[in-house]
């Protein structure tokens, strides 16, 4: 039994405590990062719709089929970029929530980013 206790590396426990302490100390920064992510998730679709509307409106006013098709292609590309940005954030959140559940030290940081701690 003593050999088992002697073989345990307690230095990793100290590192986990330091990470938890770091997350507690920088909670406001993590909350700010989470707020920025939520704002971007709302702002990017709005910007895409506005820019697409403006581009397609200009193309229709020009009356040229070539310009209309180019505007449609650009609008579709912007939609794809917006979906990619949205899903990258979603995937990162999903991965970190799994890590946060498995590792209690990262849960404080992740809860602040996710908006669960204010």
C-alpha atoms as a PDB file:
ATOM      1  CA  UNK A   1       0.000   0.000   0.000  1.00  0.00           C
ATOM      2  CA  UNK A   2       2.813   2.396   0.820  1.00  0.00           C
ATOM      3  CA  UNK A   3       4.502   1.566  -2.462  1.00  0.00           C
ATOM      4  CA  UNK A   4       1.294   2.489  -4.283  1.00  0.00           C
ATOM      5  CA  UNK A   5       1.056   5.840  -2.510  1.00  0.00           C
ATOM      6  CA  UNK A   6       4.728   6.518  -3.160  1.00  0.00           C
ATOM      7  CA  UNK A   7       4.273   5.882  -6.867  1.00  0.00           C
ATOM      8  CA  UNK A   8       1.495   8.485  -7.293  1.00  0.00           C
ATOM      9  CA  UNK A   9       2.690  11.675  -8.940  1.00  0.00           C
ATOM     10  CA  UNK A  10       1.103  14.530  -6.996  1.00  0.00           C
ATOM     11  CA  UNK A  11       2.731  17.211  -9.152  1.00  0.00           C
ATOM     12  CA  UNK A  12      -0.071  16.795 -11.729  1.00  0.00           C
ATOM     13  CA  UNK A  13      -2.614  17.658  -9.040  1.00  0.00           C
ATOM     14  CA  UNK A  14      -0.782  20.910  -8.365  1.00  0.00           C
ATOM     15  CA  UNK A  15      -0.934  21.781 -12.058  1.00  0.00           C
ATOM     16  CA  UNK A  16      -4.703  21.159 -12.088  1.00  0.00           C
ATOM     17  CA  UNK A  17      -5.124  23.471  -9.111  1.00  0.00           C
ATOM     18  CA  UNK A  18      -3.089  26.168 -10.908  1.00  0.00           C
ATOM     19  CA  UNK A  19      -5.282  25.875 -14.003  1.00  0.00           C
ATOM     20  CA  UNK A  20      -8.433  26.160 -11.885  1.00  0.00           C
ATOM     21  CA  UNK A  21      -6.988  29.171 -10.097  1.00  0.00           C
ATOM     22  CA  UNK A  22      -6.080  30.744 -13.452  1.00  0.00           C
ATOM     23  CA  UNK A  23      -9.646  30.265 -14.696  1.00  0.00           C
ATOM     24  CA  UNK A  24     -11.075  31.823 -11.543  1.00  0.00           C
ATOM     25  CA  UNK A  25      -8.751  34.814 -11.791  1.00  0.00           C
ATOM     26  CA  UNK A  26      -9.434  35.439 -15.489  1.00  0.00           C
ATOM     27  CA  UNK A  27     -13.167  34.799 -15.417  1.00  0.00           C
ATOM     28  CA  UNK A  28     -14.029  38.294 -16.721  1.00  0.00           C
ATOM     29  CA  UNK A  29     -11.807  37.793 -19.766  1.00  0.00           C
ATOM     30  CA  UNK A  30     -13.471  34.455 -20.551  1.00  0.00           C
ATOM     31  CA  UNK A  31     -16.908  36.050 -20.172  1.00  0.00           C
ATOM     32  CA  UNK A  32     -15.884  38.811 -22.576  1.00  0.00           C
ATOM     33  CA  UNK A  33     -14.682  36.249 -25.120  1.00  0.00           C
ATOM     34  CA  UNK A  34     -18.008  34.434 -24.824  1.00  0.00           C
ATOM     35  CA  UNK A  35     -19.935  37.682 -25.352  1.00  0.00           C
ATOM     36  CA  UNK A  36     -17.875  38.462 -28.471  1.00  0.00           C
ATOM     37  CA  UNK A  37     -18.589  34.992 -29.864  1.00  0.00           C
ATOM     38  CA  UNK A  38     -22.337  35.410 -29.276  1.00  0.00           C
ATOM     39  CA  UNK A  39     -22.303  38.857 -30.935  1.00  0.00           C
ATOM     40  CA  UNK A  40     -20.473  37.463 -33.959  1.00  0.00           C
ATOM     41  CA  UNK A  41     -22.968  34.623 -34.264  1.00  0.00           C
ATOM     42  CA  UNK A  42     -25.745  37.194 -34.538  1.00  0.00           C
ATOM     43  CA  UNK A  43     -23.894  39.843 -36.555  1.00  0.00           C
ATOM     44  CA  UNK A  44     -22.436  37.610 -39.286  1.00  0.00           C
ATOM     45  CA  UNK A  45     -25.810  36.412 -40.660  1.00  0.00           C
ATOM     46  CA  UNK A  46     -27.180  39.966 -40.559  1.00  0.00           C
ATOM     47  CA  UNK A  47     -24.139  41.303 -42.432  1.00  0.00           C
ATOM     48  CA  UNK A  48     -24.385  38.505 -45.005  1.00  0.00           C
ATOM     49  CA  UNK A  49     -28.053  39.257 -45.650  1.00  0.00           C
ATOM     50  CA  UNK A  50     -27.448  43.010 -45.921  1.00  0.00           C
ATOM     51  CA  UNK A  51     -24.470  42.677 -48.269  1.00  0.00           C
ATOM     52  CA  UNK A  52     -26.289  40.097 -50.394  1.00  0.00           C
ATOM     53  CA  UNK A  53     -29.345  42.327 -50.649  1.00  0.00           C
ATOM     54  CA  UNK A  54     -27.247  45.315 -51.654  1.00  0.00           C
ATOM     55  CA  UNK A  55     -25.247  43.349 -54.244  1.00  0.00           C
ATOM     56  CA  UNK A  56     -28.305  41.689 -55.766  1.00  0.00           C
ATOM     57  CA  UNK A  57     -30.162  45.018 -55.784  1.00  0.00           C
ATOM     58  CA  UNK A  58     -27.310  46.683 -57.667  1.00  0.00           C
ATOM     59  CA  UNK A  59     -27.173  43.799 -60.126  1.00  0.00           C
ATOM     60  CA  UNK A  60     -30.918  43.936 -60.797  1.00  0.00           C
ATOM     61  CA  UNK A  61     -30.742  47.711 -61.285  1.00  0.00           C
ATOM     62  CA  UNK A  62     -27.911  47.216 -63.788  1.00  0.00           C
ATOM     63  CA  UNK A  63     -30.110  44.781 -65.698  1.00  0.00           C
ATOM     64  CA  UNK A  64     -27.169  42.690 -66.925  1.00  0.00           C
ATOM     65  CA  UNK A  65     -27.598  38.915 -66.627  1.00  0.00           C
ATOM     66  CA  UNK A  66     -23.857  38.398 -66.202  1.00  0.00           C
ATOM     67  CA  UNK A  67     -23.701  40.797 -63.253  1.00  0.00           C
ATOM     68  CA  UNK A  68     -26.773  39.159 -61.664  1.00  0.00           C
ATOM     69  CA  UNK A  69     -25.207  35.699 -61.901  1.00  0.00           C
ATOM     70  CA  UNK A  70     -21.928  36.968 -60.423  1.00  0.00           C
ATOM     71  CA  UNK A  71     -23.844  38.577 -57.551  1.00  0.00           C
ATOM     72  CA  UNK A  72     -25.724  35.333 -56.932  1.00  0.00           C
ATOM     73  CA  UNK A  73     -22.452  33.372 -56.842  1.00  0.00           C
ATOM     74  CA  UNK A  74     -20.943  35.865 -54.407  1.00  0.00           C
ATOM     75  CA  UNK A  75     -24.050  35.677 -52.210  1.00  0.00           C
ATOM     76  CA  UNK A  76     -23.886  31.873 -52.141  1.00  0.00           C
ATOM     77  CA  UNK A  77     -20.185  32.011 -51.212  1.00  0.00           C
ATOM     78  CA  UNK A  78     -20.964  34.425 -48.390  1.00  0.00           C
ATOM     79  CA  UNK A  79     -23.704  32.120 -47.128  1.00  0.00           C
ATOM     80  CA  UNK A  80     -21.285  29.197 -47.118  1.00  0.00           C
ATOM     81  CA  UNK A  81     -18.691  31.252 -45.226  1.00  0.00           C
ATOM     82  CA  UNK A  82     -21.309  32.266 -42.674  1.00  0.00           C
ATOM     83  CA  UNK A  83     -22.422  28.671 -42.141  1.00  0.00           C
ATOM     84  CA  UNK A  84     -18.808  27.567 -41.757  1.00  0.00           C
ATOM     85  CA  UNK A  85     -18.125  30.264 -39.149  1.00  0.00           C
ATOM     86  CA  UNK A  86     -21.296  29.338 -37.262  1.00  0.00           C
ATOM     87  CA  UNK A  87     -20.505  25.621 -37.254  1.00  0.00           C
ATOM     88  CA  UNK A  88     -16.857  26.119 -36.296  1.00  0.00           C
ATOM     89  CA  UNK A  89     -18.038  27.936 -33.182  1.00  0.00           C
ATOM     90  CA  UNK A  90     -20.645  25.209 -32.556  1.00  0.00           C
ATOM     91  CA  UNK A  91     -18.071  22.408 -32.935  1.00  0.00           C
ATOM     92  CA  UNK A  92     -15.576  24.161 -30.646  1.00  0.00           C
ATOM     93  CA  UNK A  93     -18.300  24.660 -28.038  1.00  0.00           C
ATOM     94  CA  UNK A  94     -19.313  21.002 -28.259  1.00  0.00           C
ATOM     95  CA  UNK A  95     -15.736  19.770 -27.899  1.00  0.00           C
ATOM     96  CA  UNK A  96     -14.980  22.058 -24.989  1.00  0.00           C
ATOM     97  CA  UNK A  97     -18.194  21.174 -23.212  1.00  0.00           C
ATOM     98  CA  UNK A  98     -17.190  17.506 -23.430  1.00  0.00           C
ATOM     99  CA  UNK A  99     -13.709  18.340 -22.147  1.00  0.00           C
ATOM    100  CA  UNK A 100     -15.195  20.581 -19.449  1.00  0.00           C
ATOM    101  CA  UNK A 101     -17.438  17.787 -18.221  1.00  0.00           C
ATOM    102  CA  UNK A 102     -14.531  15.356 -18.123  1.00  0.00           C
ATOM    103  CA  UNK A 103     -12.065  17.771 -16.536  1.00  0.00           C
ATOM    104  CA  UNK A 104     -13.345  19.883 -13.657  1.00  0.00           C
ATOM    105  CA  UNK A 105     -10.501  22.388 -13.899  1.00  0.00           C
ATOM    106  CA  UNK A 106     -11.427  23.583 -17.394  1.00  0.00           C
ATOM    107  CA  UNK A 107     -15.119  23.761 -16.564  1.00  0.00           C
ATOM    108  CA  UNK A 108     -14.728  27.136 -14.828  1.00  0.00           C
ATOM    109  CA  UNK A 109     -13.128  28.651 -17.928  1.00  0.00           C
ATOM    110  CA  UNK A 110     -15.632  27.044 -20.247  1.00  0.00           C
ATOM    111  CA  UNK A 111     -18.659  28.011 -18.146  1.00  0.00           C
ATOM    112  CA  UNK A 112     -17.515  31.637 -18.281  1.00  0.00           C
ATOM    113  CA  UNK A 113     -17.181  31.495 -22.092  1.00  0.00           C
ATOM    114  CA  UNK A 114     -20.529  29.744 -22.457  1.00  0.00           C
ATOM    115  CA  UNK A 115     -22.242  32.461 -20.397  1.00  0.00           C
ATOM    116  CA  UNK A 116     -23.171  30.215 -17.489  1.00  0.00           C
ATOM    117  CA  UNK A 117     -21.104  32.358 -15.108  1.00  0.00           C
ATOM    118  CA  UNK A 118     -21.398  36.117 -15.165  1.00  0.00           C
END
